[in-house]
Amino acid sequence: MEERLQKIIATRGYCSRRRAEELIAQGRVKVNGQVITELGSKFDTNVNIDINNKTVSEVKEKVYYLFNKPRLVLTTMHDPKDRKTVAEYFKGSKLRVYPVGRLDYDVSGALIMTNDGEFANFVMHPKYEFRKTYQALCNGKVHKYQIKELVDGVIIDDDYKTKAIQARLLKYDEEYDESVIELTIAEGRKHHVKKMLIAADIYLKKLKRTQIEFLTIDDLPIGKFRELKAHEIKQFYGIYNSLKVKRGK
């Protein structure tokens, strides 16, 4: 059976489909010794693949982790500038894993790591709208009308209207003149939450992702990770399948 090259790479647990597309476009992928740069290329799923001159073998075991990413850590497995990446926290992992989606360098919190290409693809794909919850530490008092703006919708990226599924003020500290707000979104554009706060004239100091759907980092120390339980993985697939039915796909 033939599949798109980026899907085969993701299925083998090397990286996400999105990252595989980047590697193909950069000319870093070989199939049977030949460099492939065309994204639409299809091959038999058992084909020989090399990335950066290293063989990409099929995944023998799928693993899933919830990681509490610290701030000032890149959500990538390699950085040409030698900055700290999430890979440093998984050096002892028995299998190669990669991040599902993005979390900004200066943002901490919940991040899923896996070697399951199918799982990674549907969790990060914008059309399936998996919910992510954030807590934002902000300068000054955040007012009710600003919270309402986030829920009613704000304009980001010049002309794109986006809404928070829910938003609320958790607390206001008069002594330090700081607010903590919580908001949940089902989209994932670059710097999405930061842009929403700017649009609502809310001045962000620090941002943390506290939840991905039902997964929380409440009992997970910063810089640590845990394996997802079988019922949690099954629950993600359940959400995915229900969303497919909802969208008629």
Protein backbone atom coordinates (compact mmCIF):
# COMPACT_ATOMS: atom_id res chain seq x y z
CA MET A 1 0.00 0.00 0.00
CA GLU A 2 1.31 3.46 -0.89
CA GLU A 3 1.16 6.49 1.42
CA ARG A 4 2.49 10.03 1.29
CA LEU A 5 6.12 10.15 2.38
CA GLN A 6 5.48 12.54 5.28
CA LYS A 7 2.82 10.20 6.65
CA ILE A 8 5.16 7.20 6.49
CA ILE A 9 7.85 9.16 8.36
CA ALA A 10 5.36 10.22 11.05
CA THR A 11 3.98 6.69 11.37
CA ARG A 12 7.50 5.44 12.00
CA GLY A 13 7.72 7.82 14.94
CA TYR A 14 10.51 10.01 13.66
CA CYS A 15 8.62 13.30 13.86
CA SER A 16 5.23 14.87 13.18
CA ARG A 17 3.87 15.15 9.63
CA ARG A 18 4.40 18.89 9.69
CA ARG A 19 8.06 18.47 10.64
CA ALA A 20 8.44 15.67 8.06
CA GLU A 21 7.22 18.05 5.36
CA GLU A 22 9.88 20.57 6.39
CA LEU A 23 12.61 17.91 6.26
CA ILE A 24 11.47 16.78 2.80
CA ALA A 25 11.43 20.36 1.49
CA GLN A 26 14.94 20.88 2.89
CA GLY A 27 16.24 17.89 0.92
CA ARG A 28 17.17 15.93 4.03
CA VAL A 29 15.09 12.83 3.21
CA LYS A 30 16.19 9.95 0.99
CA VAL A 31 14.06 7.07 -0.27
CA ASN A 32 16.06 4.09 -1.49
CA GLY A 33 19.12 6.35 -1.59
CA GLN A 34 17.47 9.09 -3.66
CA VAL A 35 16.75 12.57 -2.26
CA ILE A 36 13.02 13.38 -2.36
CA THR A 37 11.84 16.99 -2.16
CA GLU A 38 8.29 16.74 -3.54
CA LEU A 39 5.70 16.74 -0.72
CA GLY A 40 3.07 14.81 -2.67
CA SER A 41 5.37 11.84 -3.31
CA LYS A 42 3.86 8.45 -2.45
CA PHE A 43 5.71 5.23 -1.67
CA ASP A 44 5.12 1.74 -0.38
CA THR A 45 4.95 1.84 3.43
CA ASN A 46 7.85 -0.63 3.67
CA VAL A 47 10.23 1.58 1.69
CA ASN A 48 13.77 2.34 2.96
CA ILE A 49 13.97 5.89 4.35
CA ASP A 50 17.01 7.87 5.52
CA ILE A 51 16.90 11.28 7.19
CA ASN A 52 20.18 13.12 7.61
CA ASN A 53 21.84 9.91 6.36
CA LYS A 54 20.39 7.85 9.22
CA THR A 55 17.90 5.03 8.66
CA VAL A 56 14.35 5.60 9.89
CA SER A 57 13.01 2.26 11.10
CA GLU A 58 9.43 1.33 11.90
CA VAL A 59 8.17 1.95 15.43
CA LYS A 60 8.09 -1.23 17.50
CA GLU A 61 6.35 0.33 20.49
CA LYS A 62 4.27 3.50 20.79
CA VAL A 63 4.78 5.74 23.81
CA TYR A 64 2.91 8.82 25.05
CA TYR A 65 4.02 11.32 27.70
CA LEU A 66 2.61 14.43 29.33
CA PHE A 67 5.47 16.87 29.95
CA ASN A 68 5.44 20.01 32.10
CA LYS A 69 7.73 22.16 29.98
CA PRO A 70 9.76 24.85 31.75
CA ARG A 71 10.03 28.38 30.39
CA LEU A 72 13.01 29.23 28.16
CA VAL A 73 13.05 25.77 26.57
CA LEU A 74 12.47 25.25 22.84
CA THR A 75 9.71 22.89 21.70
CA THR A 76 11.95 21.04 19.27
CA MET A 77 14.32 18.09 19.43
CA HIS A 78 17.31 19.98 17.99
CA ASP A 79 18.41 23.59 17.83
CA PRO A 80 21.25 24.71 15.52
CA LYS A 81 22.06 27.53 17.97
CA ASP A 82 22.49 25.02 20.82
CA ARG A 83 19.72 26.50 22.95
CA LYS A 84 18.00 24.27 25.48
CA THR A 85 15.32 22.01 23.95
CA VAL A 86 12.74 19.55 25.24
CA ALA A 87 15.00 16.75 23.98
CA GLU A 88 17.28 17.26 27.00
CA TYR A 89 14.51 16.06 29.31
CA PHE A 90 14.00 12.82 27.36
CA LYS A 91 17.57 11.57 27.06
CA GLY A 92 16.67 8.60 29.26
CA SER A 93 13.56 7.70 27.26
CA LYS A 94 13.68 4.19 25.82
CA LEU A 95 12.32 5.40 22.46
CA ARG A 96 12.67 8.54 20.38
CA VAL A 97 9.77 10.95 20.95
CA TYR A 98 8.87 14.39 19.64
CA PRO A 99 6.50 17.20 20.71
CA VAL A 100 2.88 17.31 19.62
CA GLY A 101 2.32 20.86 18.44
CA ARG A 102 4.11 23.95 19.69
CA LEU A 103 4.57 25.78 22.97
CA ASP A 104 6.48 29.06 22.82
CA TYR A 105 10.02 29.34 24.19
CA ASP A 106 8.90 31.64 27.01
CA VAL A 107 5.71 29.68 27.83
CA SER A 108 5.64 26.82 30.34
CA GLY A 109 3.20 23.99 30.86
CA ALA A 110 1.44 21.01 29.33
CA LEU A 111 3.00 19.42 26.26
CA ILE A 112 2.39 15.93 24.86
CA MET A 113 5.40 13.96 23.62
CA THR A 114 5.01 10.78 21.55
CA ASN A 115 6.34 8.64 18.71
CA ASP A 116 2.84 7.91 17.37
CA GLY A 117 2.49 9.84 14.12
CA GLU A 118 -1.25 9.33 13.69
CA PHE A 119 -1.96 10.44 17.27
CA ALA A 120 0.29 13.50 16.94
CA ASN A 121 -1.30 14.50 13.65
CA PHE A 122 -4.91 14.55 14.82
CA VAL A 123 -4.17 16.14 18.21
CA MET A 124 -2.31 19.07 16.62
CA HIS A 125 -4.50 19.41 13.50
CA PRO A 126 -6.55 22.64 13.71
CA LYS A 127 -9.70 21.09 12.22
CA TYR A 128 -10.19 18.81 15.25
CA GLU A 129 -10.10 21.73 17.72
CA PHE A 130 -8.64 20.02 20.77
CA ARG A 131 -9.06 22.35 23.74
CA LYS A 132 -6.11 23.92 25.54
CA THR A 133 -6.36 25.94 28.75
CA TYR A 134 -3.93 28.66 29.80
CA GLN A 135 -3.27 30.80 32.86
CA ALA A 136 -1.87 34.26 32.23
CA LEU A 137 -0.18 36.50 34.80
CA CYS A 138 -0.90 40.06 33.70
CA ASN A 139 0.08 43.60 34.68
CA GLY A 140 -2.69 45.63 36.25
CA LYS A 141 -6.32 44.76 36.83
CA VAL A 142 -8.09 42.82 34.09
CA HIS A 143 -11.64 44.10 33.83
CA LYS A 144 -14.88 42.27 33.09
CA TYR A 145 -15.26 43.98 29.72
CA GLN A 146 -11.83 42.66 28.69
CA ILE A 147 -12.79 39.12 29.69
CA LYS A 148 -16.00 39.55 27.69
CA GLU A 149 -13.98 40.69 24.67
CA LEU A 150 -11.96 37.47 24.75
CA VAL A 151 -15.13 35.37 24.77
CA ASP A 152 -17.03 37.47 22.22
CA GLY A 153 -14.06 37.51 19.88
CA VAL A 154 -11.02 39.65 19.06
CA ILE A 155 -9.16 40.32 15.81
CA ILE A 156 -5.63 38.95 15.43
CA ASP A 157 -3.31 38.68 12.42
CA ASP A 158 -4.94 41.75 10.81
CA ASP A 159 -8.33 40.25 9.96
CA TYR A 160 -8.81 36.92 11.74
CA LYS A 161 -11.50 36.80 14.41
CA THR A 162 -10.95 34.33 17.22
CA LYS A 163 -12.81 33.57 20.45
CA ALA A 164 -11.97 31.96 23.76
CA ILE A 165 -14.28 29.08 24.65
CA GLN A 166 -14.20 30.39 28.19
CA ALA A 167 -12.28 33.09 30.04
CA ARG A 168 -12.35 34.26 33.64
CA LEU A 169 -10.44 36.31 36.19
CA LEU A 170 -8.94 33.99 38.80
CA LYS A 171 -7.52 36.67 41.09
CA TYR A 172 -6.28 40.23 41.38
CA ASP A 173 -3.39 41.13 43.71
CA GLU A 174 -3.71 44.77 44.76
CA GLU A 175 -0.27 44.86 46.40
CA TYR A 176 1.56 43.88 43.21
CA ASP A 177 -1.14 45.18 40.84
CA GLU A 178 -1.27 41.86 39.00
CA SER A 179 -4.12 39.73 37.65
CA VAL A 180 -4.28 36.04 36.86
CA ILE A 181 -6.75 35.04 34.18
CA GLU A 182 -7.65 31.67 32.70
CA LEU A 183 -8.79 31.08 29.14
CA THR A 184 -9.49 28.06 26.96
CA ILE A 185 -9.06 28.00 23.19
CA ALA A 186 -9.54 25.37 20.49
CA GLU A 187 -7.17 26.89 17.95
CA GLY A 188 -3.41 27.03 17.74
CA ARG A 189 -2.01 29.80 15.58
CA LYS A 190 1.48 31.04 16.32
CA HIS A 191 1.48 33.17 19.51
CA HIS A 192 -2.31 32.78 19.52
CA VAL A 193 -3.04 33.53 23.18
CA LYS A 194 -0.50 36.35 23.32
CA LYS A 195 -2.12 38.02 20.32
CA MET A 196 -5.59 37.66 21.85
CA LEU A 197 -4.45 39.36 25.05
CA ILE A 198 -2.82 42.20 23.11
CA ALA A 199 -6.06 42.68 21.15
CA ALA A 200 -7.97 43.00 24.44
CA ASP A 201 -5.39 45.49 25.84
CA ILE A 202 -4.24 43.01 28.47
CA TYR A 203 -0.55 43.22 29.35
CA LEU A 204 0.95 39.77 29.69
CA LYS A 205 3.84 39.02 32.05
CA LYS A 206 3.93 35.23 32.04
CA LEU A 207 1.94 32.47 30.35
CA LYS A 208 1.42 28.83 31.31
CA ARG A 209 -0.58 26.07 29.60
CA THR A 210 -2.31 24.16 32.37
CA GLN A 211 -4.43 21.69 30.42
CA ILE A 212 -4.84 19.86 27.10
CA GLU A 213 -8.43 18.61 26.99
CA PHE A 214 -8.70 16.55 30.23
CA LEU A 215 -4.93 16.27 30.86
CA THR A 216 -3.68 18.63 33.58
CA ILE A 217 -0.26 19.35 35.06
CA ASP A 218 -1.66 19.86 38.57
CA ASP A 219 0.46 17.10 40.14
CA LEU A 220 3.33 17.18 37.65
CA PRO A 221 6.42 19.16 38.72
CA ILE A 222 8.00 21.54 36.23
CA GLY A 223 10.52 19.76 34.01
CA LYS A 224 9.03 16.32 34.70
CA PHE A 225 6.92 13.98 32.58
CA ARG A 226 4.68 10.97 33.04
CA GLU A 227 3.36 8.28 30.73
CA LEU A 228 -0.23 8.59 29.61
CA LYS A 229 -2.45 5.84 30.92
CA ALA A 230 -4.21 3.51 28.48
CA HIS A 231 -7.63 5.00 29.27
CA GLU A 232 -6.28 8.53 28.60
CA ILE A 233 -4.99 7.55 25.16
CA LYS A 234 -8.31 5.85 24.45
CA GLN A 235 -10.14 9.00 25.56
CA PHE A 236 -8.19 11.12 23.06
CA TYR A 237 -9.12 8.73 20.27
CA GLY A 238 -12.74 8.93 21.47
CA ILE A 239 -12.70 12.73 21.20
CA TYR A 240 -11.07 12.49 17.77
CA ASN A 241 -13.67 10.02 16.47
CA SER A 242 -16.58 12.07 17.83
CA LEU A 243 -15.20 15.20 16.16
CA LYS A 244 -14.83 13.32 12.86
CA VAL A 245 -18.49 12.29 13.06
CA LYS A 246 -19.52 15.85 13.97
CA ARG A 247 -17.73 17.20 10.91
CA GLY A 248 -18.93 14.38 8.66
CA LYS A 249 -15.38 13.24 7.91
